[in-house]
PDBML (XML) file of the C-alpha atoms, coordinates in Angstrom:
<?xml version="1.0" encoding="UTF-8" ?>
<PDBx:datablock datablockName="MODEL"
   xmlns:PDBx="http://pdbml.pdb.org/schema/pdbx-v50.xsd"
   xmlns:xsi="http://www.w3.org/2001/XMLSchema-instance"
   xsi:schemaLocation="http://pdbml.pdb.org/schema/pdbx-v50.xsd pdbx-v50.xsd">
   <PDBx:atom_siteCategory>
      <PDBx:atom_site id="1">
         <PDBx:B_iso_or_equiv>0.00</PDBx:B_iso_or_equiv>
         <PDBx:Cartn_x>158.132</PDBx:Cartn_x>
         <PDBx:Cartn_y>105.220</PDBx:Cartn_y>
         <PDBx:Cartn_z>147.519</PDBx:Cartn_z>
         <PDBx:auth_asym_id>A</PDBx:auth_asym_id>
         <PDBx:auth_atom_id>CA</PDBx:auth_atom_id>
         <PDBx:auth_comp_id>UNK</PDBx:auth_comp_id>
         <PDBx:auth_seq_id>1</PDBx:auth_seq_id>
         <PDBx:group_PDB>ATOM</PDBx:group_PDB>
         <PDBx:label_alt_id xsi:nil="true" />
         <PDBx:label_asym_id>A</PDBx:label_asym_id>
         <PDBx:label_atom_id>CA</PDBx:label_atom_id>
         <PDBx:label_comp_id>UNK</PDBx:label_comp_id>
         <PDBx:label_entity_id>1</PDBx:label_entity_id>
         <PDBx:label_seq_id>1</PDBx:label_seq_id>
         <PDBx:occupancy>1.00</PDBx:occupancy>
         <PDBx:pdbx_PDB_model_num>1</PDBx:pdbx_PDB_model_num>
         <PDBx:type_symbol>C</PDBx:type_symbol>
      </PDBx:atom_site>
      <PDBx:atom_site id="2">
         <PDBx:B_iso_or_equiv>0.00</PDBx:B_iso_or_equiv>
         <PDBx:Cartn_x>154.240</PDBx:Cartn_x>
         <PDBx:Cartn_y>105.251</PDBx:Cartn_y>
         <PDBx:Cartn_z>148.767</PDBx:Cartn_z>
         <PDBx:auth_asym_id>A</PDBx:auth_asym_id>
         <PDBx:auth_atom_id>CA</PDBx:auth_atom_id>
         <PDBx:auth_comp_id>UNK</PDBx:auth_comp_id>
         <PDBx:auth_seq_id>2</PDBx:auth_seq_id>
         <PDBx:group_PDB>ATOM</PDBx:group_PDB>
         <PDBx:label_alt_id xsi:nil="true" />
         <PDBx:label_asym_id>A</PDBx:label_asym_id>
         <PDBx:label_atom_id>CA</PDBx:label_atom_id>
         <PDBx:label_comp_id>UNK</PDBx:label_comp_id>
         <PDBx:label_entity_id>1</PDBx:label_entity_id>
         <PDBx:label_seq_id>2</PDBx:label_seq_id>
         <PDBx:occupancy>1.00</PDBx:occupancy>
         <PDBx:pdbx_PDB_model_num>1</PDBx:pdbx_PDB_model_num>
         <PDBx:type_symbol>C</PDBx:type_symbol>
      </PDBx:atom_site>
      <PDBx:atom_site id="3">
         <PDBx:B_iso_or_equiv>0.00</PDBx:B_iso_or_equiv>
         <PDBx:Cartn_x>155.083</PDBx:Cartn_x>
         <PDBx:Cartn_y>108.612</PDBx:Cartn_y>
         <PDBx:Cartn_z>150.960</PDBx:Cartn_z>
         <PDBx:auth_asym_id>A</PDBx:auth_asym_id>
         <PDBx:auth_atom_id>CA</PDBx:auth_atom_id>
         <PDBx:auth_comp_id>UNK</PDBx:auth_comp_id>
         <PDBx:auth_seq_id>3</PDBx:auth_seq_id>
         <PDBx:group_PDB>ATOM</PDBx:group_PDB>
         <PDBx:label_alt_id xsi:nil="true" />
         <PDBx:label_asym_id>A</PDBx:label_asym_id>
         <PDBx:label_atom_id>CA</PDBx:label_atom_id>
         <PDBx:label_comp_id>UNK</PDBx:label_comp_id>
         <PDBx:label_entity_id>1</PDBx:label_entity_id>
         <PDBx:label_seq_id>3</PDBx:label_seq_id>
         <PDBx:occupancy>1.00</PDBx:occupancy>
         <PDBx:pdbx_PDB_model_num>1</PDBx:pdbx_PDB_model_num>
         <PDBx:type_symbol>C</PDBx:type_symbol>
      </PDBx:atom_site>
      <PDBx:atom_site id="4">
         <PDBx:B_iso_or_equiv>0.00</PDBx:B_iso_or_equiv>
         <PDBx:Cartn_x>155.813</PDBx:Cartn_x>
         <PDBx:Cartn_y>110.521</PDBx:Cartn_y>
         <PDBx:Cartn_z>147.943</PDBx:Cartn_z>
         <PDBx:auth_asym_id>A</PDBx:auth_asym_id>
         <PDBx:auth_atom_id>CA</PDBx:auth_atom_id>
         <PDBx:auth_comp_id>UNK</PDBx:auth_comp_id>
         <PDBx:auth_seq_id>4</PDBx:auth_seq_id>
         <PDBx:group_PDB>ATOM</PDBx:group_PDB>
         <PDBx:label_alt_id xsi:nil="true" />
         <PDBx:label_asym_id>A</PDBx:label_asym_id>
         <PDBx:label_atom_id>CA</PDBx:label_atom_id>
         <PDBx:label_comp_id>UNK</PDBx:label_comp_id>
         <PDBx:label_entity_id>1</PDBx:label_entity_id>
         <PDBx:label_seq_id>4</PDBx:label_seq_id>
         <PDBx:occupancy>1.00</PDBx:occupancy>
         <PDBx:pdbx_PDB_model_num>1</PDBx:pdbx_PDB_model_num>
         <PDBx:type_symbol>C</PDBx:type_symbol>
      </PDBx:atom_site>
      <PDBx:atom_site id="5">
         <PDBx:B_iso_or_equiv>0.00</PDBx:B_iso_or_equiv>
         <PDBx:Cartn_x>152.288</PDBx:Cartn_x>
         <PDBx:Cartn_y>109.820</PDBx:Cartn_y>
         <PDBx:Cartn_z>146.451</PDBx:Cartn_z>
         <PDBx:auth_asym_id>A</PDBx:auth_asym_id>
         <PDBx:auth_atom_id>CA</PDBx:auth_atom_id>
         <PDBx:auth_comp_id>UNK</PDBx:auth_comp_id>
         <PDBx:auth_seq_id>5</PDBx:auth_seq_id>
         <PDBx:group_PDB>ATOM</PDBx:group_PDB>
         <PDBx:label_alt_id xsi:nil="true" />
         <PDBx:label_asym_id>A</PDBx:label_asym_id>
         <PDBx:label_atom_id>CA</PDBx:label_atom_id>
         <PDBx:label_comp_id>UNK</PDBx:label_comp_id>
         <PDBx:label_entity_id>1</PDBx:label_entity_id>
         <PDBx:label_seq_id>5</PDBx:label_seq_id>
         <PDBx:occupancy>1.00</PDBx:occupancy>
         <PDBx:pdbx_PDB_model_num>1</PDBx:pdbx_PDB_model_num>
         <PDBx:type_symbol>C</PDBx:type_symbol>
      </PDBx:atom_site>
      <PDBx:atom_site id="6">
         <PDBx:B_iso_or_equiv>0.00</PDBx:B_iso_or_equiv>
         <PDBx:Cartn_x>149.649</PDBx:Cartn_x>
         <PDBx:Cartn_y>112.544</PDBx:Cartn_y>
         <PDBx:Cartn_z>147.279</PDBx:Cartn_z>
         <PDBx:auth_asym_id>A</PDBx:auth_asym_id>
         <PDBx:auth_atom_id>CA</PDBx:auth_atom_id>
         <PDBx:auth_comp_id>UNK</PDBx:auth_comp_id>
         <PDBx:auth_seq_id>6</PDBx:auth_seq_id>
         <PDBx:group_PDB>ATOM</PDBx:group_PDB>
         <PDBx:label_alt_id xsi:nil="true" />
         <PDBx:label_asym_id>A</PDBx:label_asym_id>
         <PDBx:label_atom_id>CA</PDBx:label_atom_id>
         <PDBx:label_comp_id>UNK</PDBx:label_comp_id>
         <PDBx:label_entity_id>1</PDBx:label_entity_id>
         <PDBx:label_seq_id>6</PDBx:label_seq_id>
         <PDBx:occupancy>1.00</PDBx:occupancy>
         <PDBx:pdbx_PDB_model_num>1</PDBx:pdbx_PDB_model_num>
         <PDBx:type_symbol>C</PDBx:type_symbol>
      </PDBx:atom_site>
      <PDBx:atom_site id="7">
         <PDBx:B_iso_or_equiv>0.00</PDBx:B_iso_or_equiv>
         <PDBx:Cartn_x>145.714</PDBx:Cartn_x>
         <PDBx:Cartn_y>112.716</PDBx:Cartn_y>
         <PDBx:Cartn_z>146.846</PDBx:Cartn_z>
         <PDBx:auth_asym_id>A</PDBx:auth_asym_id>
         <PDBx:auth_atom_id>CA</PDBx:auth_atom_id>
         <PDBx:auth_comp_id>UNK</PDBx:auth_comp_id>
         <PDBx:auth_seq_id>7</PDBx:auth_seq_id>
         <PDBx:group_PDB>ATOM</PDBx:group_PDB>
         <PDBx:label_alt_id xsi:nil="true" />
         <PDBx:label_asym_id>A</PDBx:label_asym_id>
         <PDBx:label_atom_id>CA</PDBx:label_atom_id>
         <PDBx:label_comp_id>UNK</PDBx:label_comp_id>
         <PDBx:label_entity_id>1</PDBx:label_entity_id>
         <PDBx:label_seq_id>7</PDBx:label_seq_id>
         <PDBx:occupancy>1.00</PDBx:occupancy>
         <PDBx:pdbx_PDB_model_num>1</PDBx:pdbx_PDB_model_num>
         <PDBx:type_symbol>C</PDBx:type_symbol>
      </PDBx:atom_site>
      <PDBx:atom_site id="8">
         <PDBx:B_iso_or_equiv>0.00</PDBx:B_iso_or_equiv>
         <PDBx:Cartn_x>145.916</PDBx:Cartn_x>
         <PDBx:Cartn_y>116.007</PDBx:Cartn_y>
         <PDBx:Cartn_z>145.574</PDBx:Cartn_z>
         <PDBx:auth_asym_id>A</PDBx:auth_asym_id>
         <PDBx:auth_atom_id>CA</PDBx:auth_atom_id>
         <PDBx:auth_comp_id>UNK</PDBx:auth_comp_id>
         <PDBx:auth_seq_id>8</PDBx:auth_seq_id>
         <PDBx:group_PDB>ATOM</PDBx:group_PDB>
         <PDBx:label_alt_id xsi:nil="true" />
         <PDBx:label_asym_id>A</PDBx:label_asym_id>
         <PDBx:label_atom_id>CA</PDBx:label_atom_id>
         <PDBx:label_comp_id>UNK</PDBx:label_comp_id>
         <PDBx:label_entity_id>1</PDBx:label_entity_id>
         <PDBx:label_seq_id>8</PDBx:label_seq_id>
         <PDBx:occupancy>1.00</PDBx:occupancy>
         <PDBx:pdbx_PDB_model_num>1</PDBx:pdbx_PDB_model_num>
         <PDBx:type_symbol>C</PDBx:type_symbol>
      </PDBx:atom_site>
      <PDBx:atom_site id="9">
         <PDBx:B_iso_or_equiv>0.00</PDBx:B_iso_or_equiv>
         <PDBx:Cartn_x>147.586</PDBx:Cartn_x>
         <PDBx:Cartn_y>114.597</PDBx:Cartn_y>
         <PDBx:Cartn_z>142.239</PDBx:Cartn_z>
         <PDBx:auth_asym_id>A</PDBx:auth_asym_id>
         <PDBx:auth_atom_id>CA</PDBx:auth_atom_id>
         <PDBx:auth_comp_id>UNK</PDBx:auth_comp_id>
         <PDBx:auth_seq_id>9</PDBx:auth_seq_id>
         <PDBx:group_PDB>ATOM</PDBx:group_PDB>
         <PDBx:label_alt_id xsi:nil="true" />
         <PDBx:label_asym_id>A</PDBx:label_asym_id>
         <PDBx:label_atom_id>CA</PDBx:label_atom_id>
         <PDBx:label_comp_id>UNK</PDBx:label_comp_id>
         <PDBx:label_entity_id>1</PDBx:label_entity_id>
         <PDBx:label_seq_id>9</PDBx:label_seq_id>
         <PDBx:occupancy>1.00</PDBx:occupancy>
         <PDBx:pdbx_PDB_model_num>1</PDBx:pdbx_PDB_model_num>
         <PDBx:type_symbol>C</PDBx:type_symbol>
      </PDBx:atom_site>
      <PDBx:atom_site id="10">
         <PDBx:B_iso_or_equiv>0.00</PDBx:B_iso_or_equiv>
         <PDBx:Cartn_x>144.250</PDBx:Cartn_x>
         <PDBx:Cartn_y>112.704</PDBx:Cartn_y>
         <PDBx:Cartn_z>141.286</PDBx:Cartn_z>
         <PDBx:auth_asym_id>A</PDBx:auth_asym_id>
         <PDBx:auth_atom_id>CA</PDBx:auth_atom_id>
         <PDBx:auth_comp_id>UNK</PDBx:auth_comp_id>
         <PDBx:auth_seq_id>10</PDBx:auth_seq_id>
         <PDBx:group_PDB>ATOM</PDBx:group_PDB>
         <PDBx:label_alt_id xsi:nil="true" />
         <PDBx:label_asym_id>A</PDBx:label_asym_id>
         <PDBx:label_atom_id>CA</PDBx:label_atom_id>
         <PDBx:label_comp_id>UNK</PDBx:label_comp_id>
         <PDBx:label_entity_id>1</PDBx:label_entity_id>
         <PDBx:label_seq_id>10</PDBx:label_seq_id>
         <PDBx:occupancy>1.00</PDBx:occupancy>
         <PDBx:pdbx_PDB_model_num>1</PDBx:pdbx_PDB_model_num>
         <PDBx:type_symbol>C</PDBx:type_symbol>
      </PDBx:atom_site>
      <PDBx:atom_site id="11">
         <PDBx:B_iso_or_equiv>0.00</PDBx:B_iso_or_equiv>
         <PDBx:Cartn_x>141.972</PDBx:Cartn_x>
         <PDBx:Cartn_y>114.860</PDBx:Cartn_y>
         <PDBx:Cartn_z>139.551</PDBx:Cartn_z>
         <PDBx:auth_asym_id>A</PDBx:auth_asym_id>
         <PDBx:auth_atom_id>CA</PDBx:auth_atom_id>
         <PDBx:auth_comp_id>UNK</PDBx:auth_comp_id>
         <PDBx:auth_seq_id>11</PDBx:auth_seq_id>
         <PDBx:group_PDB>ATOM</PDBx:group_PDB>
         <PDBx:label_alt_id xsi:nil="true" />
         <PDBx:label_asym_id>A</PDBx:label_asym_id>
         <PDBx:label_atom_id>CA</PDBx:label_atom_id>
         <PDBx:label_comp_id>UNK</PDBx:label_comp_id>
         <PDBx:label_entity_id>1</PDBx:label_entity_id>
         <PDBx:label_seq_id>11</PDBx:label_seq_id>
         <PDBx:occupancy>1.00</PDBx:occupancy>
         <PDBx:pdbx_PDB_model_num>1</PDBx:pdbx_PDB_model_num>
         <PDBx:type_symbol>C</PDBx:type_symbol>
      </PDBx:atom_site>
      <PDBx:atom_site id="12">
         <PDBx:B_iso_or_equiv>0.00</PDBx:B_iso_or_equiv>
         <PDBx:Cartn_x>138.286</PDBx:Cartn_x>
         <PDBx:Cartn_y>114.444</PDBx:Cartn_y>
         <PDBx:Cartn_z>140.237</PDBx:Cartn_z>
         <PDBx:auth_asym_id>A</PDBx:auth_asym_id>
         <PDBx:auth_atom_id>CA</PDBx:auth_atom_id>
         <PDBx:auth_comp_id>UNK</PDBx:auth_comp_id>
         <PDBx:auth_seq_id>12</PDBx:auth_seq_id>
         <PDBx:group_PDB>ATOM</PDBx:group_PDB>
         <PDBx:label_alt_id xsi:nil="true" />
         <PDBx:label_asym_id>A</PDBx:label_asym_id>
         <PDBx:label_atom_id>CA</PDBx:label_atom_id>
         <PDBx:label_comp_id>UNK</PDBx:label_comp_id>
         <PDBx:label_entity_id>1</PDBx:label_entity_id>
         <PDBx:label_seq_id>12</PDBx:label_seq_id>
         <PDBx:occupancy>1.00</PDBx:occupancy>
         <PDBx:pdbx_PDB_model_num>1</PDBx:pdbx_PDB_model_num>
         <PDBx:type_symbol>C</PDBx:type_symbol>
      </PDBx:atom_site>
      <PDBx:atom_site id="13">
         <PDBx:B_iso_or_equiv>0.00</PDBx:B_iso_or_equiv>
         <PDBx:Cartn_x>137.124</PDBx:Cartn_x>
         <PDBx:Cartn_y>111.107</PDBx:Cartn_y>
         <PDBx:Cartn_z>141.586</PDBx:Cartn_z>
         <PDBx:auth_asym_id>A</PDBx:auth_asym_id>
         <PDBx:auth_atom_id>CA</PDBx:auth_atom_id>
         <PDBx:auth_comp_id>UNK</PDBx:auth_comp_id>
         <PDBx:auth_seq_id>13</PDBx:auth_seq_id>
         <PDBx:group_PDB>ATOM</PDBx:group_PDB>
         <PDBx:label_alt_id xsi:nil="true" />
         <PDBx:label_asym_id>A</PDBx:label_asym_id>
         <PDBx:label_atom_id>CA</PDBx:label_atom_id>
         <PDBx:label_comp_id>UNK</PDBx:label_comp_id>
         <PDBx:label_entity_id>1</PDBx:label_entity_id>
         <PDBx:label_seq_id>13</PDBx:label_seq_id>
         <PDBx:occupancy>1.00</PDBx:occupancy>
         <PDBx:pdbx_PDB_model_num>1</PDBx:pdbx_PDB_model_num>
         <PDBx:type_symbol>C</PDBx:type_symbol>
      </PDBx:atom_site>
      <PDBx:atom_site id="14">
         <PDBx:B_iso_or_equiv>0.00</PDBx:B_iso_or_equiv>
         <PDBx:Cartn_x>135.685</PDBx:Cartn_x>
         <PDBx:Cartn_y>113.253</PDBx:Cartn_y>
         <PDBx:Cartn_z>144.756</PDBx:Cartn_z>
         <PDBx:auth_asym_id>A</PDBx:auth_asym_id>
         <PDBx:auth_atom_id>CA</PDBx:auth_atom_id>
         <PDBx:auth_comp_id>UNK</PDBx:auth_comp_id>
         <PDBx:auth_seq_id>14</PDBx:auth_seq_id>
         <PDBx:group_PDB>ATOM</PDBx:group_PDB>
         <PDBx:label_alt_id xsi:nil="true" />
         <PDBx:label_asym_id>A</PDBx:label_asym_id>
         <PDBx:label_atom_id>CA</PDBx:label_atom_id>
         <PDBx:label_comp_id>UNK</PDBx:label_comp_id>
         <PDBx:label_entity_id>1</PDBx:label_entity_id>
         <PDBx:label_seq_id>14</PDBx:label_seq_id>
         <PDBx:occupancy>1.00</PDBx:occupancy>
         <PDBx:pdbx_PDB_model_num>1</PDBx:pdbx_PDB_model_num>
         <PDBx:type_symbol>C</PDBx:type_symbol>
      </PDBx:atom_site>
      <PDBx:atom_site id="15">
         <PDBx:B_iso_or_equiv>0.00</PDBx:B_iso_or_equiv>
         <PDBx:Cartn_x>133.158</PDBx:Cartn_x>
         <PDBx:Cartn_y>110.440</PDBx:Cartn_y>
         <PDBx:Cartn_z>145.469</PDBx:Cartn_z>
         <PDBx:auth_asym_id>A</PDBx:auth_asym_id>
         <PDBx:auth_atom_id>CA</PDBx:auth_atom_id>
         <PDBx:auth_comp_id>UNK</PDBx:auth_comp_id>
         <PDBx:auth_seq_id>15</PDBx:auth_seq_id>
         <PDBx:group_PDB>ATOM</PDBx:group_PDB>
         <PDBx:label_alt_id xsi:nil="true" />
         <PDBx:label_asym_id>A</PDBx:label_asym_id>
         <PDBx:label_atom_id>CA</PDBx:label_atom_id>
         <PDBx:label_comp_id>UNK</PDBx:label_comp_id>
         <PDBx:label_entity_id>1</PDBx:label_entity_id>
         <PDBx:label_seq_id>15</PDBx:label_seq_id>
         <PDBx:occupancy>1.00</PDBx:occupancy>
         <PDBx:pdbx_PDB_model_num>1</PDBx:pdbx_PDB_model_num>
         <PDBx:type_symbol>C</PDBx:type_symbol>
      </PDBx:atom_site>
      <PDBx:atom_site id="16">
         <PDBx:B_iso_or_equiv>0.00</PDBx:B_iso_or_equiv>
         <PDBx:Cartn_x>135.740</PDBx:Cartn_x>
         <PDBx:Cartn_y>107.969</PDBx:Cartn_y>
         <PDBx:Cartn_z>146.022</PDBx:Cartn_z>
         <PDBx:auth_asym_id>A</PDBx:auth_asym_id>
         <PDBx:auth_atom_id>CA</PDBx:auth_atom_id>
         <PDBx:auth_comp_id>UNK</PDBx:auth_comp_id>
         <PDBx:auth_seq_id>16</PDBx:auth_seq_id>
         <PDBx:group_PDB>ATOM</PDBx:group_PDB>
         <PDBx:label_alt_id xsi:nil="true" />
         <PDBx:label_asym_id>A</PDBx:label_asym_id>
         <PDBx:label_atom_id>CA</PDBx:label_atom_id>
         <PDBx:label_comp_id>UNK</PDBx:label_comp_id>
         <PDBx:label_entity_id>1</PDBx:label_entity_id>
         <PDBx:label_seq_id>16</PDBx:label_seq_id>
         <PDBx:occupancy>1.00</PDBx:occupancy>
         <PDBx:pdbx_PDB_model_num>1</PDBx:pdbx_PDB_model_num>
         <PDBx:type_symbol>C</PDBx:type_symbol>
      </PDBx:atom_site>
      <PDBx:atom_site id="17">
         <PDBx:B_iso_or_equiv>0.00</PDBx:B_iso_or_equiv>
         <PDBx:Cartn_x>137.946</PDBx:Cartn_x>
         <PDBx:Cartn_y>109.679</PDBx:Cartn_y>
         <PDBx:Cartn_z>147.798</PDBx:Cartn_z>
         <PDBx:auth_asym_id>A</PDBx:auth_asym_id>
         <PDBx:auth_atom_id>CA</PDBx:auth_atom_id>
         <PDBx:auth_comp_id>UNK</PDBx:auth_comp_id>
         <PDBx:auth_seq_id>17</PDBx:auth_seq_id>
         <PDBx:group_PDB>ATOM</PDBx:group_PDB>
         <PDBx:label_alt_id xsi:nil="true" />
         <PDBx:label_asym_id>A</PDBx:label_asym_id>
         <PDBx:label_atom_id>CA</PDBx:label_atom_id>
         <PDBx:label_comp_id>UNK</PDBx:label_comp_id>
         <PDBx:label_entity_id>1</PDBx:label_entity_id>
         <PDBx:label_seq_id>17</PDBx:label_seq_id>
         <PDBx:occupancy>1.00</PDBx:occupancy>
         <PDBx:pdbx_PDB_model_num>1</PDBx:pdbx_PDB_model_num>
         <PDBx:type_symbol>C</PDBx:type_symbol>
      </PDBx:atom_site>
      <PDBx:atom_site id="18">
         <PDBx:B_iso_or_equiv>0.00</PDBx:B_iso_or_equiv>
         <PDBx:Cartn_x>135.431</PDBx:Cartn_x>
         <PDBx:Cartn_y>110.785</PDBx:Cartn_y>
         <PDBx:Cartn_z>150.421</PDBx:Cartn_z>
         <PDBx:auth_asym_id>A</PDBx:auth_asym_id>
         <PDBx:auth_atom_id>CA</PDBx:auth_atom_id>
         <PDBx:auth_comp_id>UNK</PDBx:auth_comp_id>
         <PDBx:auth_seq_id>18</PDBx:auth_seq_id>
         <PDBx:group_PDB>ATOM</PDBx:group_PDB>
         <PDBx:label_alt_id xsi:nil="true" />
         <PDBx:label_asym_id>A</PDBx:label_asym_id>
         <PDBx:label_atom_id>CA</PDBx:label_atom_id>
         <PDBx:label_comp_id>UNK</PDBx:label_comp_id>
         <PDBx:label_entity_id>1</PDBx:label_entity_id>
         <PDBx:label_seq_id>18</PDBx:label_seq_id>
         <PDBx:occupancy>1.00</PDBx:occupancy>
         <PDBx:pdbx_PDB_model_num>1</PDBx:pdbx_PDB_model_num>
         <PDBx:type_symbol>C</PDBx:type_symbol>
      </PDBx:atom_site>
      <PDBx:atom_site id="19">
         <PDBx:B_iso_or_equiv>0.00</PDBx:B_iso_or_equiv>
         <PDBx:Cartn_x>134.380</PDBx:Cartn_x>
         <PDBx:Cartn_y>106.709</PDBx:Cartn_y>
         <PDBx:Cartn_z>150.507</PDBx:Cartn_z>
         <PDBx:auth_asym_id>A</PDBx:auth_asym_id>
         <PDBx:auth_atom_id>CA</PDBx:auth_atom_id>
         <PDBx:auth_comp_id>UNK</PDBx:auth_comp_id>
         <PDBx:auth_seq_id>19</PDBx:auth_seq_id>
         <PDBx:group_PDB>ATOM</PDBx:group_PDB>
         <PDBx:label_alt_id xsi:nil="true" />
         <PDBx:label_asym_id>A</PDBx:label_asym_id>
         <PDBx:label_atom_id>CA</PDBx:label_atom_id>
         <PDBx:label_comp_id>UNK</PDBx:label_comp_id>
         <PDBx:label_entity_id>1</PDBx:label_entity_id>
         <PDBx:label_seq_id>19</PDBx:label_seq_id>
         <PDBx:occupancy>1.00</PDBx:occupancy>
         <PDBx:pdbx_PDB_model_num>1</PDBx:pdbx_PDB_model_num>
         <PDBx:type_symbol>C</PDBx:type_symbol>
      </PDBx:atom_site>
      <PDBx:atom_site id="20">
         <PDBx:B_iso_or_equiv>0.00</PDBx:B_iso_or_equiv>
         <PDBx:Cartn_x>138.095</PDBx:Cartn_x>
         <PDBx:Cartn_y>105.915</PDBx:Cartn_y>
         <PDBx:Cartn_z>151.436</PDBx:Cartn_z>
         <PDBx:auth_asym_id>A</PDBx:auth_asym_id>
         <PDBx:auth_atom_id>CA</PDBx:auth_atom_id>
         <PDBx:auth_comp_id>UNK</PDBx:auth_comp_id>
         <PDBx:auth_seq_id>20</PDBx:auth_seq_id>
         <PDBx:group_PDB>ATOM</PDBx:group_PDB>
         <PDBx:label_alt_id xsi:nil="true" />
         <PDBx:label_asym_id>A</PDBx:label_asym_id>
         <PDBx:label_atom_id>CA</PDBx:label_atom_id>
         <PDBx:label_comp_id>UNK</PDBx:label_comp_id>
         <PDBx:label_entity_id>1</PDBx:label_entity_id>
         <PDBx:label_seq_id>20</PDBx:label_seq_id>
         <PDBx:occupancy>1.00</PDBx:occupancy>
         <PDBx:pdbx_PDB_model_num>1</PDBx:pdbx_PDB_model_num>
         <PDBx:type_symbol>C</PDBx:type_symbol>
      </PDBx:atom_site>
      <PDBx:atom_site id="21">
         <PDBx:B_iso_or_equiv>0.00</PDBx:B_iso_or_equiv>
         <PDBx:Cartn_x>138.617</PDBx:Cartn_x>
         <PDBx:Cartn_y>108.878</PDBx:Cartn_y>
         <PDBx:Cartn_z>153.895</PDBx:Cartn_z>
         <PDBx:auth_asym_id>A</PDBx:auth_asym_id>
         <PDBx:auth_atom_id>CA</PDBx:auth_atom_id>
         <PDBx:auth_comp_id>UNK</PDBx:auth_comp_id>
         <PDBx:auth_seq_id>21</PDBx:auth_seq_id>
         <PDBx:group_PDB>ATOM</PDBx:group_PDB>
         <PDBx:label_alt_id xsi:nil="true" />
         <PDBx:label_asym_id>A</PDBx:label_asym_id>
         <PDBx:label_atom_id>CA</PDBx:label_atom_id>
         <PDBx:label_comp_id>UNK</PDBx:label_comp_id>
         <PDBx:label_entity_id>1</PDBx:label_entity_id>
         <PDBx:label_seq_id>21</PDBx:label_seq_id>
         <PDBx:occupancy>1.00</PDBx:occupancy>
         <PDBx:pdbx_PDB_model_num>1</PDBx:pdbx_PDB_model_num>
         <PDBx:type_symbol>C</PDBx:type_symbol>
      </PDBx:atom_site>
      <PDBx:atom_site id="22">
         <PDBx:B_iso_or_equiv>0.00</PDBx:B_iso_or_equiv>
         <PDBx:Cartn_x>135.687</PDBx:Cartn_x>
         <PDBx:Cartn_y>107.439</PDBx:Cartn_y>
         <PDBx:Cartn_z>155.583</PDBx:Cartn_z>
         <PDBx:auth_asym_id>A</PDBx:auth_asym_id>
         <PDBx:auth_atom_id>CA</PDBx:auth_atom_id>
         <PDBx:auth_comp_id>UNK</PDBx:auth_comp_id>
         <PDBx:auth_seq_id>22</PDBx:auth_seq_id>
         <PDBx:group_PDB>ATOM</PDBx:group_PDB>
         <PDBx:label_alt_id xsi:nil="true" />
         <PDBx:label_asym_id>A</PDBx:label_asym_id>
         <PDBx:label_atom_id>CA</PDBx:label_atom_id>
         <PDBx:label_comp_id>UNK</PDBx:label_comp_id>
         <PDBx:label_entity_id>1</PDBx:label_entity_id>
         <PDBx:label_seq_id>22</PDBx:label_seq_id>
         <PDBx:occupancy>1.00</PDBx:occupancy>
         <PDBx:pdbx_PDB_model_num>1</PDBx:pdbx_PDB_model_num>
         <PDBx:type_symbol>C</PDBx:type_symbol>
      </PDBx:atom_site>
      <PDBx:atom_site id="23">
         <PDBx:B_iso_or_equiv>0.00</PDBx:B_iso_or_equiv>
         <PDBx:Cartn_x>137.069</PDBx:Cartn_x>
         <PDBx:Cartn_y>103.879</PDBx:Cartn_y>
         <PDBx:Cartn_z>155.326</PDBx:Cartn_z>
         <PDBx:auth_asym_id>A</PDBx:auth_asym_id>
         <PDBx:auth_atom_id>CA</PDBx:auth_atom_id>
         <PDBx:auth_comp_id>UNK</PDBx:auth_comp_id>
         <PDBx:auth_seq_id>23</PDBx:auth_seq_id>
         <PDBx:group_PDB>ATOM</PDBx:group_PDB>
         <PDBx:label_alt_id xsi:nil="true" />
         <PDBx:label_asym_id>A</PDBx:label_asym_id>
         <PDBx:label_atom_id>CA</PDBx:label_atom_id>
         <PDBx:label_comp_id>UNK</PDBx:label_comp_id>
         <PDBx:label_entity_id>1</PDBx:label_entity_id>
         <PDBx:label_seq_id>23</PDBx:label_seq_id>
         <PDBx:occupancy>1.00</PDBx:occupancy>
         <PDBx:pdbx_PDB_model_num>1</PDBx:pdbx_PDB_model_num>
         <PDBx:type_symbol>C</PDBx:type_symbol>
      </PDBx:atom_site>
      <PDBx:atom_site id="24">
         <PDBx:B_iso_or_equiv>0.00</PDBx:B_iso_or_equiv>
         <PDBx:Cartn_x>140.218</PDBx:Cartn_x>
         <PDBx:Cartn_y>104.846</PDBx:Cartn_y>
         <PDBx:Cartn_z>156.676</PDBx:Cartn_z>
         <PDBx:auth_asym_id>A</PDBx:auth_asym_id>
         <PDBx:auth_atom_id>CA</PDBx:auth_atom_id>
         <PDBx:auth_comp_id>UNK</PDBx:auth_comp_id>
         <PDBx:auth_seq_id>24</PDBx:auth_seq_id>
         <PDBx:group_PDB>ATOM</PDBx:group_PDB>
         <PDBx:label_alt_id xsi:nil="true" />
         <PDBx:label_asym_id>A</PDBx:label_asym_id>
         <PDBx:label_atom_id>CA</PDBx:label_atom_id>
         <PDBx:label_comp_id>UNK</PDBx:label_comp_id>
         <PDBx:label_entity_id>1</PDBx:label_entity_id>
         <PDBx:label_seq_id>24</PDBx:label_seq_id>
         <PDBx:occupancy>1.00</PDBx:occupancy>
         <PDBx:pdbx_PDB_model_num>1</PDBx:pdbx_PDB_model_num>
         <PDBx:type_symbol>C</PDBx:type_symbol>
      </PDBx:atom_site>
   </PDBx:atom_siteCategory>
</PDBx:datablock>
C-alpha cells in the first residue's frame, strides 16, 4: 500500500521534504 503514496499529495512541508530527501 505504501507504493500508492506520493509526496506530491502533501501540501506544503517543503522544508521537511527537503530534509527527508537529504536523509534518503
